[in-house]
Protein backbone atom coordinates (compact mmCIF):
# COMPACT_ATOMS: atom_id res chain seq x y z
CA UNK A 1 -38.10 21.88 -35.05
CA UNK A 2 -37.18 18.33 -34.01
CA UNK A 3 -34.99 18.05 -30.94
CA UNK A 4 -31.81 16.04 -31.66
CA UNK A 5 -30.67 15.42 -28.08
CA UNK A 6 -31.92 13.10 -25.34
CA UNK A 7 -32.16 15.78 -22.63
CA UNK A 8 -33.23 19.38 -23.27
CA UNK A 9 -30.01 21.26 -22.56
CA UNK A 10 -27.49 22.96 -24.81
CA UNK A 11 -23.76 22.37 -24.68
CA UNK A 12 -21.31 25.26 -24.96
CA UNK A 13 -17.63 25.73 -24.29
CA UNK A 14 -16.52 28.37 -21.77
CA UNK A 15 -13.27 30.26 -21.38
CA UNK A 16 -13.84 30.80 -17.67
CA UNK A 17 -11.03 29.67 -15.37
CA UNK A 18 -12.66 26.52 -14.00
CA UNK A 19 -11.39 23.19 -12.69
CA UNK A 20 -13.25 19.96 -12.04
CA UNK A 21 -10.66 18.76 -9.48
CA UNK A 22 -10.46 21.40 -6.77
CA UNK A 23 -9.58 18.76 -4.16
CA UNK A 24 -6.25 18.11 -5.85
CA UNK A 25 -5.22 21.53 -4.54
CA UNK A 26 -5.50 20.15 -1.00
CA UNK A 27 -3.27 17.21 -1.92
CA UNK A 28 -0.74 19.56 -3.57
CA UNK A 29 -0.74 21.65 -0.40
CA UNK A 30 -0.19 18.54 1.72
CA UNK A 31 2.73 17.54 -0.53
CA UNK A 32 4.32 20.92 0.11
CA UNK A 33 3.72 20.72 3.86
CA UNK A 34 5.44 17.31 3.93
CA UNK A 35 8.37 18.78 1.94
CA UNK A 36 8.04 16.07 -0.69
CA UNK A 37 9.53 18.12 -3.51
CA UNK A 38 12.77 18.79 -1.63
CA UNK A 39 12.96 15.14 -0.53
CA UNK A 40 12.70 13.98 -4.12
CA UNK A 41 15.31 16.38 -5.46
CA UNK A 42 17.69 15.60 -2.60
CA UNK A 43 17.64 11.83 -3.06
CA UNK A 44 17.34 11.49 -6.85
CA UNK A 45 20.29 11.86 -9.21
CA UNK A 46 20.79 15.39 -10.46
CA UNK A 47 20.00 16.25 -14.10
CA UNK A 48 22.73 15.28 -16.52
CA UNK A 49 22.99 18.77 -17.97
CA UNK A 50 22.28 22.38 -17.07
CA UNK A 51 19.17 22.27 -19.26
CA UNK A 52 17.76 19.20 -17.49
CA UNK A 53 14.91 19.29 -15.02
CA UNK A 54 15.05 18.08 -11.40
CA UNK A 55 13.33 14.80 -10.53
CA UNK A 56 10.40 16.54 -8.83
CA UNK A 57 9.37 17.98 -12.22
CA UNK A 58 8.52 14.44 -13.30
CA UNK A 59 7.36 12.92 -10.01
CA UNK A 60 4.91 15.60 -8.86
CA UNK A 61 2.67 15.47 -11.99
CA UNK A 62 2.66 11.67 -11.74
CA UNK A 63 1.64 11.58 -8.07
CA UNK A 64 -1.07 14.21 -8.67
CA UNK A 65 -2.38 12.15 -11.60
CA UNK A 66 -2.38 8.92 -9.56
CA UNK A 67 -4.16 10.64 -6.68
CA UNK A 68 -6.73 12.12 -9.03
CA UNK A 69 -7.60 8.75 -10.61
CA UNK A 70 -5.30 8.44 -13.61
CA UNK A 71 -3.95 4.94 -14.18
CA UNK A 72 -1.47 5.58 -17.00
CA UNK A 73 1.29 8.04 -17.84
CA UNK A 74 -0.81 9.44 -20.70
CA UNK A 75 -3.38 10.62 -18.14
CA UNK A 76 -0.96 13.37 -17.16
CA UNK A 77 -2.44 15.19 -20.17
CA UNK A 78 -5.57 15.90 -18.11
CA UNK A 79 -3.41 17.73 -15.62
CA UNK A 80 -1.58 19.59 -18.38
CA UNK A 81 -4.89 20.83 -19.75
CA UNK A 82 -6.22 21.96 -16.36
CA UNK A 83 -4.73 25.45 -16.42
CA UNK A 84 -6.90 26.62 -13.52
CA UNK A 85 -5.70 23.93 -11.14
CA UNK A 86 -2.11 24.38 -12.24
CA UNK A 87 -2.27 28.10 -11.55
CA UNK A 88 -3.87 27.53 -8.16
CA UNK A 89 -1.14 25.13 -7.01
CA UNK A 90 1.75 26.78 -8.85
CA UNK A 91 2.51 23.82 -11.11
CA UNK A 92 4.08 25.53 -14.09
CA UNK A 93 6.03 22.74 -15.76
CA UNK A 94 4.53 19.37 -16.75
CA UNK A 95 6.60 17.20 -19.10
CA UNK A 96 4.95 15.27 -21.90
CA UNK A 97 4.04 11.63 -21.31
CA UNK A 98 6.88 10.59 -23.65
CA UNK A 99 9.39 12.65 -21.67
CA UNK A 100 8.15 11.11 -18.42
CA UNK A 101 8.52 7.62 -19.88
CA UNK A 102 12.10 8.36 -20.96
CA UNK A 103 12.88 9.76 -17.51
CA UNK A 104 11.51 6.65 -15.77
CA UNK A 105 13.76 4.48 -17.89
CA UNK A 106 16.82 6.65 -17.14
CA UNK A 107 16.10 6.55 -13.42
CA UNK A 108 15.63 2.79 -13.55
CA UNK A 109 19.11 2.49 -15.04
CA UNK A 110 20.62 4.88 -12.50
CA UNK A 111 19.69 5.17 -8.80
CA UNK A 112 16.00 6.01 -9.10
CA UNK A 113 14.76 2.81 -7.43
CA UNK A 114 16.90 3.36 -4.34
CA UNK A 115 16.09 7.09 -4.34
CA UNK A 116 12.36 6.45 -4.14
CA UNK A 117 12.86 4.01 -1.28
CA UNK A 118 14.75 6.72 0.60
CA UNK A 119 11.98 9.23 -0.09
CA UNK A 120 9.37 6.77 1.21
CA UNK A 121 11.52 5.95 4.25
CA UNK A 122 11.76 9.60 5.29
CA UNK A 123 8.07 10.20 4.70
CA UNK A 124 7.09 7.15 6.77
CA UNK A 125 9.35 8.13 9.64
CA UNK A 126 7.79 11.60 9.66
CA UNK A 127 4.25 10.23 9.63
CA UNK A 128 4.85 7.55 12.27
CA UNK A 129 6.47 10.06 14.62
CA UNK A 130 3.20 12.01 14.52
CA UNK A 131 1.10 8.89 15.17
CA UNK A 132 0.14 8.41 18.83
CA UNK A 133 0.68 4.64 18.66
CA UNK A 134 4.01 3.12 19.60
CA UNK A 135 3.45 -0.52 18.61
CA UNK A 136 2.31 -2.01 15.32
CA UNK A 137 1.39 -5.26 13.60
CA UNK A 138 3.62 -6.02 10.62
CA UNK A 139 2.12 -7.92 7.68
CA UNK A 140 4.18 -8.83 4.62
CA UNK A 141 2.64 -10.21 1.46
CA UNK A 142 3.46 -10.41 -2.25
CA UNK A 143 1.08 -9.50 -5.03
CA UNK A 144 1.03 -10.24 -8.74
CA UNK A 145 0.85 -7.61 -11.48
CA UNK A 146 0.04 -9.21 -14.82
CA UNK A 147 2.03 -7.86 -17.74
CA UNK A 148 2.66 -8.76 -21.34
CA UNK A 149 5.76 -6.53 -21.43
CA UNK A 150 8.79 -8.00 -23.13
CA UNK A 151 10.94 -8.35 -20.00
CA UNK A 152 8.25 -9.74 -17.69
CA UNK A 153 8.85 -13.23 -16.28
CA UNK A 154 6.39 -16.06 -15.78
CA UNK A 155 4.63 -16.07 -12.40
CA UNK A 156 3.47 -19.11 -10.46
CA UNK A 157 -0.08 -18.35 -11.68
CA UNK A 158 0.93 -19.23 -15.23
CA UNK A 159 1.09 -15.77 -16.82
CA UNK A 160 3.84 -13.19 -17.20
CA UNK A 161 4.15 -10.30 -14.81
CA UNK A 162 5.84 -8.85 -11.74
CA UNK A 163 5.74 -9.90 -8.11
CA UNK A 164 6.22 -6.93 -5.76
CA UNK A 165 6.38 -7.64 -2.02
CA UNK A 166 4.76 -5.10 0.30
CA UNK A 167 5.17 -4.73 4.07
CA UNK A 168 2.33 -2.85 5.73
CA UNK A 169 1.32 -1.86 9.25
CA UNK A 170 -2.15 -3.18 10.00
CA UNK A 171 -3.09 -0.25 12.22
CA UNK A 172 -2.40 2.45 9.61
CA UNK A 173 -2.19 0.63 6.28
CA UNK A 174 1.09 2.40 5.53
CA UNK A 175 3.47 0.52 3.24
CA UNK A 176 6.67 0.91 5.26
CA UNK A 177 8.75 -1.05 2.78
CA UNK A 178 8.40 -2.70 -0.61
CA UNK A 179 10.39 -4.55 -3.23
CA UNK A 180 9.52 -4.61 -6.92
CA UNK A 181 10.45 -8.09 -8.18
CA UNK A 182 10.35 -10.18 -11.30
CA UNK A 183 7.40 -12.53 -11.58
CA UNK A 184 9.52 -15.58 -10.82
CA UNK A 185 11.60 -14.03 -8.01
CA UNK A 186 10.80 -15.74 -4.72
CA UNK A 187 14.12 -15.11 -2.98
CA UNK A 188 15.34 -13.05 -0.06
CA UNK A 189 12.71 -13.83 2.59
CA UNK A 190 14.89 -13.00 5.59
CA UNK A 191 16.23 -9.83 3.95
CA UNK A 192 12.66 -8.68 3.28
CA UNK A 193 11.66 -9.16 6.92
CA UNK A 194 14.78 -7.46 8.27
CA UNK A 195 14.23 -4.54 5.91
CA UNK A 196 10.67 -4.04 7.15
CA UNK A 197 11.75 -4.11 10.81
CA UNK A 198 14.43 -1.51 10.14
CA UNK A 199 12.02 1.10 8.78
CA UNK A 200 10.34 2.07 12.04
CA UNK A 201 11.68 5.24 13.72
CA UNK A 202 13.02 5.36 17.27
CA UNK A 203 10.31 4.91 19.86
CA UNK A 204 8.21 2.72 17.55
CA UNK A 205 8.35 -1.05 17.34
CA UNK A 206 6.80 -4.10 15.76
CA UNK A 207 4.75 -5.82 18.46
CA UNK A 208 3.33 -8.56 16.27
CA UNK A 209 4.33 -10.12 12.93
CA UNK A 210 1.97 -12.05 10.64
CA UNK A 211 3.49 -13.85 7.66
CA UNK A 212 2.31 -16.20 4.93
CA UNK A 213 3.57 -19.79 4.73
CA UNK A 214 6.23 -18.84 2.16
CA UNK A 215 8.11 -17.28 5.12
CA UNK A 216 8.09 -20.58 6.99
CA UNK A 217 11.87 -20.83 7.07
CA UNK A 218 14.20 -21.46 9.99
CA UNK A 219 16.16 -18.21 9.62
CA UNK A 220 12.98 -16.11 9.38
CA UNK A 221 11.48 -17.81 12.43
CA UNK A 222 14.72 -17.26 14.33
CA UNK A 223 14.75 -13.55 13.47
CA UNK A 224 11.12 -12.74 14.30
CA UNK A 225 11.28 -14.81 17.49
CA UNK A 226 14.29 -12.79 18.67
CA UNK A 227 12.88 -9.39 17.63
CA UNK A 228 9.13 -9.59 18.13
CA UNK A 229 7.06 -10.58 21.14
CA UNK A 230 4.24 -12.14 19.16
CA UNK A 231 4.38 -13.72 15.74
CA UNK A 232 2.45 -16.16 13.59
CA UNK A 233 3.58 -17.74 10.33
CA UNK A 234 1.66 -20.17 8.17
CA UNK A 235 3.38 -23.57 8.41
CA UNK A 236 4.20 -25.85 5.50
CA UNK A 237 2.56 -29.24 5.85
CA UNK A 238 5.84 -31.03 5.23
CA UNK A 239 6.63 -34.57 6.36
CA UNK A 240 7.75 -33.49 9.85
CA UNK A 241 4.66 -31.35 10.44
CA UNK A 242 2.27 -34.00 9.16
CA UNK A 243 3.91 -36.63 11.36
CA UNK A 244 3.29 -34.45 14.42
CA UNK A 245 -0.31 -33.78 13.41
CA UNK A 246 -1.10 -37.43 12.76
CA UNK A 247 0.44 -38.39 16.12
CA UNK A 248 -1.88 -36.09 18.07
CA UNK A 249 -4.31 -38.11 20.20
CA UNK A 250 -8.02 -37.53 19.68
CA UNK A 251 -8.22 -36.02 23.17
CA UNK A 252 -6.04 -33.11 21.99
CA UNK A 253 -8.72 -31.83 19.61
CA UNK A 254 -11.49 -29.49 20.69
CA UNK A 255 -14.16 -27.53 18.81
CA UNK A 256 -12.92 -24.29 17.26
CA UNK A 257 -15.08 -21.19 17.63
CA UNK A 258 -14.83 -17.81 15.97
CA UNK A 259 -13.86 -14.61 17.77
CA UNK A 260 -17.56 -13.92 18.28
CA UNK A 261 -18.06 -17.34 19.84
CA UNK A 262 -19.82 -18.91 16.87
CA UNK A 263 -19.39 -22.65 16.31
CA UNK A 264 -17.59 -23.87 13.17
CA UNK A 265 -16.97 -27.20 11.44
CA UNK A 266 -13.32 -27.07 12.54
CA UNK A 267 -11.39 -28.49 15.47
CA UNK A 268 -8.17 -27.12 16.97
CA UNK A 269 -5.12 -28.56 18.72
CA UNK A 270 -1.49 -27.63 19.28
CA UNK A 271 1.91 -29.22 19.77
CA UNK A 272 5.50 -28.01 20.14
CA UNK A 273 7.82 -28.22 17.14
CA UNK A 274 11.25 -27.19 15.91
CA UNK A 275 12.64 -27.28 12.39
CA UNK A 276 15.55 -29.58 11.67
CA UNK A 277 17.84 -26.73 10.63
CA UNK A 278 16.50 -24.31 13.26
CA UNK A 279 17.13 -23.68 16.94
CA UNK A 280 13.78 -22.17 17.93
CA UNK A 281 11.10 -24.28 19.59
CA UNK A 282 7.68 -22.92 18.69
CA UNK A 283 3.99 -23.68 19.00
CA UNK A 284 2.36 -25.47 16.09
CA UNK A 285 -1.35 -24.68 16.12
CA UNK A 286 -3.46 -26.89 13.87
CA UNK A 287 -6.99 -26.66 12.55
CA UNK A 288 -8.70 -29.69 11.02
CA UNK A 289 -11.98 -30.26 9.25
CA UNK A 290 -13.61 -33.01 7.23
CA UNK A 291 -13.05 -32.91 3.50
CA UNK A 292 -16.43 -32.06 2.03
CA UNK A 293 -15.71 -33.69 -1.31
CA UNK A 294 -14.53 -36.96 0.23
CA UNK A 295 -16.51 -40.15 -0.28
CA UNK A 296 -18.31 -42.14 2.41
CA UNK A 297 -15.37 -44.47 2.94
CA UNK A 298 -12.28 -42.24 3.09
CA UNK A 299 -13.58 -39.65 5.63
CA UNK A 300 -10.44 -37.54 5.00
CA UNK A 301 -9.27 -34.71 7.24
CA UNK A 302 -7.99 -31.37 5.91
CA UNK A 303 -5.42 -29.43 7.95
CA UNK A 304 -4.14 -25.88 8.33
CA UNK A 305 -1.11 -25.23 10.55
CA UNK A 306 0.26 -22.01 12.05
CA UNK A 307 3.62 -21.56 13.78
CA UNK A 308 3.65 -19.17 16.75
CA UNK A 309 6.16 -18.02 19.35
CA UNK A 310 6.55 -19.73 22.70
CA UNK A 311 6.40 -16.37 24.54
CA UNK A 312 2.94 -15.75 23.12
CA UNK A 313 0.67 -16.70 26.02
CA UNK A 314 -2.57 -16.30 24.11
CA UNK A 315 -4.84 -19.27 23.54
CA UNK A 316 -4.49 -21.20 20.32
CA UNK A 317 -7.82 -19.75 19.19
CA UNK A 318 -6.60 -16.18 19.79
CA UNK A 319 -3.50 -16.82 17.68
CA UNK A 320 -5.66 -18.07 14.81
CA UNK A 321 -7.96 -15.04 15.07
CA UNK A 322 -4.96 -12.74 14.97
CA UNK A 323 -3.38 -14.60 12.07
CA UNK A 324 -6.59 -14.25 10.10
CA UNK A 325 -6.13 -10.49 10.38
CA UNK A 326 -3.61 -10.88 7.57
CA UNK A 327 -6.64 -10.24 5.38
CA UNK A 328 -6.05 -6.56 6.16
CA UNK A 329 -3.04 -6.53 3.84
CA UNK A 330 -5.19 -7.76 0.96
CA UNK A 331 -7.36 -4.66 1.37
CA UNK A 332 -4.26 -2.43 1.45
CA UNK A 333 -2.83 -4.04 -1.68
CA UNK A 334 -6.19 -3.78 -3.42
CA UNK A 335 -6.25 -0.06 -2.62
CA UNK A 336 -2.68 0.40 -3.88
CA UNK A 337 -3.26 -1.47 -7.12
CA UNK A 338 -6.85 -0.57 -7.95
CA UNK A 339 -6.99 2.84 -6.33
CA UNK A 340 -3.69 4.25 -7.58
CA UNK A 341 -3.24 2.60 -10.95
CA UNK A 342 -0.69 -0.07 -10.00
CA UNK A 343 -2.58 -2.90 -11.69
CA UNK A 344 -0.57 -2.31 -14.85
CA UNK A 345 2.92 -1.06 -15.57
CA UNK A 346 3.71 1.53 -18.25
CA UNK A 347 6.94 0.21 -19.73
CA UNK A 348 8.66 -2.80 -21.20
CA UNK A 349 11.66 -1.97 -19.01
CA UNK A 350 11.90 -3.48 -15.51
CA UNK A 351 13.76 -0.52 -14.00
CA UNK A 352 11.27 2.03 -15.33
CA UNK A 353 8.40 -0.02 -13.91
CA UNK A 354 10.14 -0.31 -10.54
CA UNK A 355 10.45 3.50 -10.34
CA UNK A 356 6.83 3.95 -11.41
CA UNK A 357 5.68 1.44 -8.78
CA UNK A 358 7.69 3.30 -6.14
CA UNK A 359 5.91 6.54 -7.06
CA UNK A 360 2.60 4.69 -6.70
CA UNK A 361 3.60 3.49 -3.22
CA UNK A 362 4.57 7.06 -2.31
CA UNK A 363 1.19 8.39 -3.50
CA UNK A 364 -0.65 5.67 -1.59
CA UNK A 365 1.30 6.46 1.59
CA UNK A 366 0.78 10.20 1.20
CA UNK A 367 -2.96 9.62 0.84
CA UNK A 368 -3.04 7.59 4.06
CA UNK A 369 -0.89 10.20 5.80
CA UNK A 370 -3.19 12.98 4.61
CA UNK A 371 -6.18 11.13 6.04
CA UNK A 372 -4.42 10.42 9.32
CA UNK A 373 -3.05 13.90 9.87
CA UNK A 374 -5.57 16.28 8.28
CA UNK A 375 -8.93 14.71 7.51
CA UNK A 376 -11.98 14.26 9.80
CA UNK A 377 -12.01 11.14 11.96
CA UNK A 378 -15.12 9.87 10.17
CA UNK A 379 -13.13 9.75 6.93
CA UNK A 380 -10.32 7.52 8.22
CA UNK A 381 -11.83 4.31 6.81
CA UNK A 382 -12.74 5.77 3.44
CA UNK A 383 -10.98 4.60 0.29
CA UNK A 384 -9.41 6.86 -2.32
CA UNK A 385 -12.46 6.22 -4.52
CA UNK A 386 -14.72 7.74 -1.87
CA UNK A 387 -12.34 10.64 -1.20
CA UNK A 388 -12.24 11.46 -4.91
CA UNK A 389 -16.03 11.56 -5.02
CA UNK A 390 -16.33 13.63 -1.83
CA UNK A 391 -13.27 15.86 -1.91
CA UNK A 392 -11.33 15.85 -5.18
CA UNK A 393 -14.00 16.01 -7.88
CA UNK A 394 -15.37 19.39 -6.85
CA UNK A 395 -15.84 22.20 -9.37
CA UNK A 396 -13.87 25.34 -8.67
CA UNK A 397 -13.43 28.79 -10.18
CA UNK A 398 -10.23 30.80 -9.99
CA UNK A 399 -10.63 34.49 -9.26
CA UNK A 400 -7.55 36.71 -9.25
CA UNK A 401 -7.50 39.83 -7.11
CA UNK A 402 -4.90 42.55 -6.81
CA UNK A 403 -2.74 40.65 -4.33
CA UNK A 404 -3.97 37.07 -4.25
CA UNK A 405 -5.93 34.40 -6.06
CA UNK A 406 -9.14 32.82 -4.74
CA UNK A 407 -10.34 29.30 -5.55
CA UNK A 408 -14.12 29.39 -5.25
CA UNK A 409 -15.55 25.87 -4.86
CA UNK A 410 -19.05 24.70 -5.71
CA UNK A 411 -19.79 23.03 -2.39
CA UNK A 412 -22.24 23.12 0.48
CA UNK A 413 -21.33 24.63 3.84
CA UNK A 414 -20.33 21.28 5.39
CA UNK A 415 -17.91 20.43 2.60
CA UNK A 416 -16.54 23.96 2.53
CA UNK A 417 -15.86 23.75 6.28
CA UNK A 418 -14.12 20.39 5.75
CA UNK A 419 -11.88 22.00 3.10
CA UNK A 420 -11.00 24.82 5.48
CA UNK A 421 -10.25 22.44 8.36
CA UNK A 422 -8.02 20.24 6.17
CA UNK A 423 -6.12 23.34 5.04
CA UNK A 424 -5.72 24.49 8.66
CA UNK A 425 -4.33 21.13 9.77
CA UNK A 426 -2.07 20.99 6.74
CA UNK A 427 -0.68 24.43 7.59
CA UNK A 428 0.09 23.25 11.13
CA UNK A 429 2.31 20.52 9.67
CA UNK A 430 4.58 23.16 8.18
CA UNK A 431 5.74 24.16 11.64
CA UNK A 432 6.48 20.64 12.89
């Protein structure tokens, strides 16, 4: 008989109570330890009728799906079909994807956007209070989500989409605040900065602020200078700045080296500056380098300028090295968008997308909190992709006894011990 398969194995369907995502049970347990369900139901609007479901009925399946690797509302179906996992974590009710989409739209029209911000605020305060650090580096940056949805606006990149702004702490990666904006919305810089500063709990503070050049405004500079010991903001090369740069004598320039002491093709200098509509005098640190595409006769210089506080006693080089750490936020945003399905929005409605994005931020923050508070130290730098491969995508079998259920996982001793230790640390959170 001729074999009609590539590999010599047979495929059969089993009725055994199995799951391919045992690690999601650990995330569900962490959610319960952090009291996420009660937070959601307390801050979200109540159901409109006695037959309606509380907000957590919709949010919990979504956050579990995002954590597990789903990148669309329809992927909730995988969770609906995983009866073994649902029984293990006690998730009895999962709405259809259509019902979830309708709920997102309703919440976008009501107070769902503000409710999710409050949920995230409380979660971040809880996590930061448990963190041993007291000072943090604040980095704020926008990102673009391309969308062909009917209400999306044109972005500066020339395509339609949304432009959320995310404020993260470099040391933890936590998104302490966010704003979901239209693609053409570039307003509210000072309000965004103030909002981020206000999110830290008592006993915690922003020790350093790193901002892109779009925040190079007099009121923003005045605020961060008054509320933060060290700050660096990319400077616009406007007429006033260029006049200062061009007036610098050649003796002001010196070779610029990297943090490791390596030579570069750049030179560095600094001068004091104040904006015409501002009251703060600040350092203007400038890098220059020869334009590589210039011809033999022009010999043109290229410049990059950074504004920094006068109380910052670091060398100009140290300020540049620190400012370059803004690249950390790009990694955080990449993890949020690519790791948790925020690269695309599910709806043609702005409000629904804003609520969905807020749930994505919550899932991202809960993942980071779970790593920080329960996972081995060696796992702290791992991405959600790695954690899914190591921890989530583990086969499990549900065995019911007379008084309890047992989730048997197909794992080696090391991984089994890691599961047990994560569960132990998660249980300790319940008493704090």
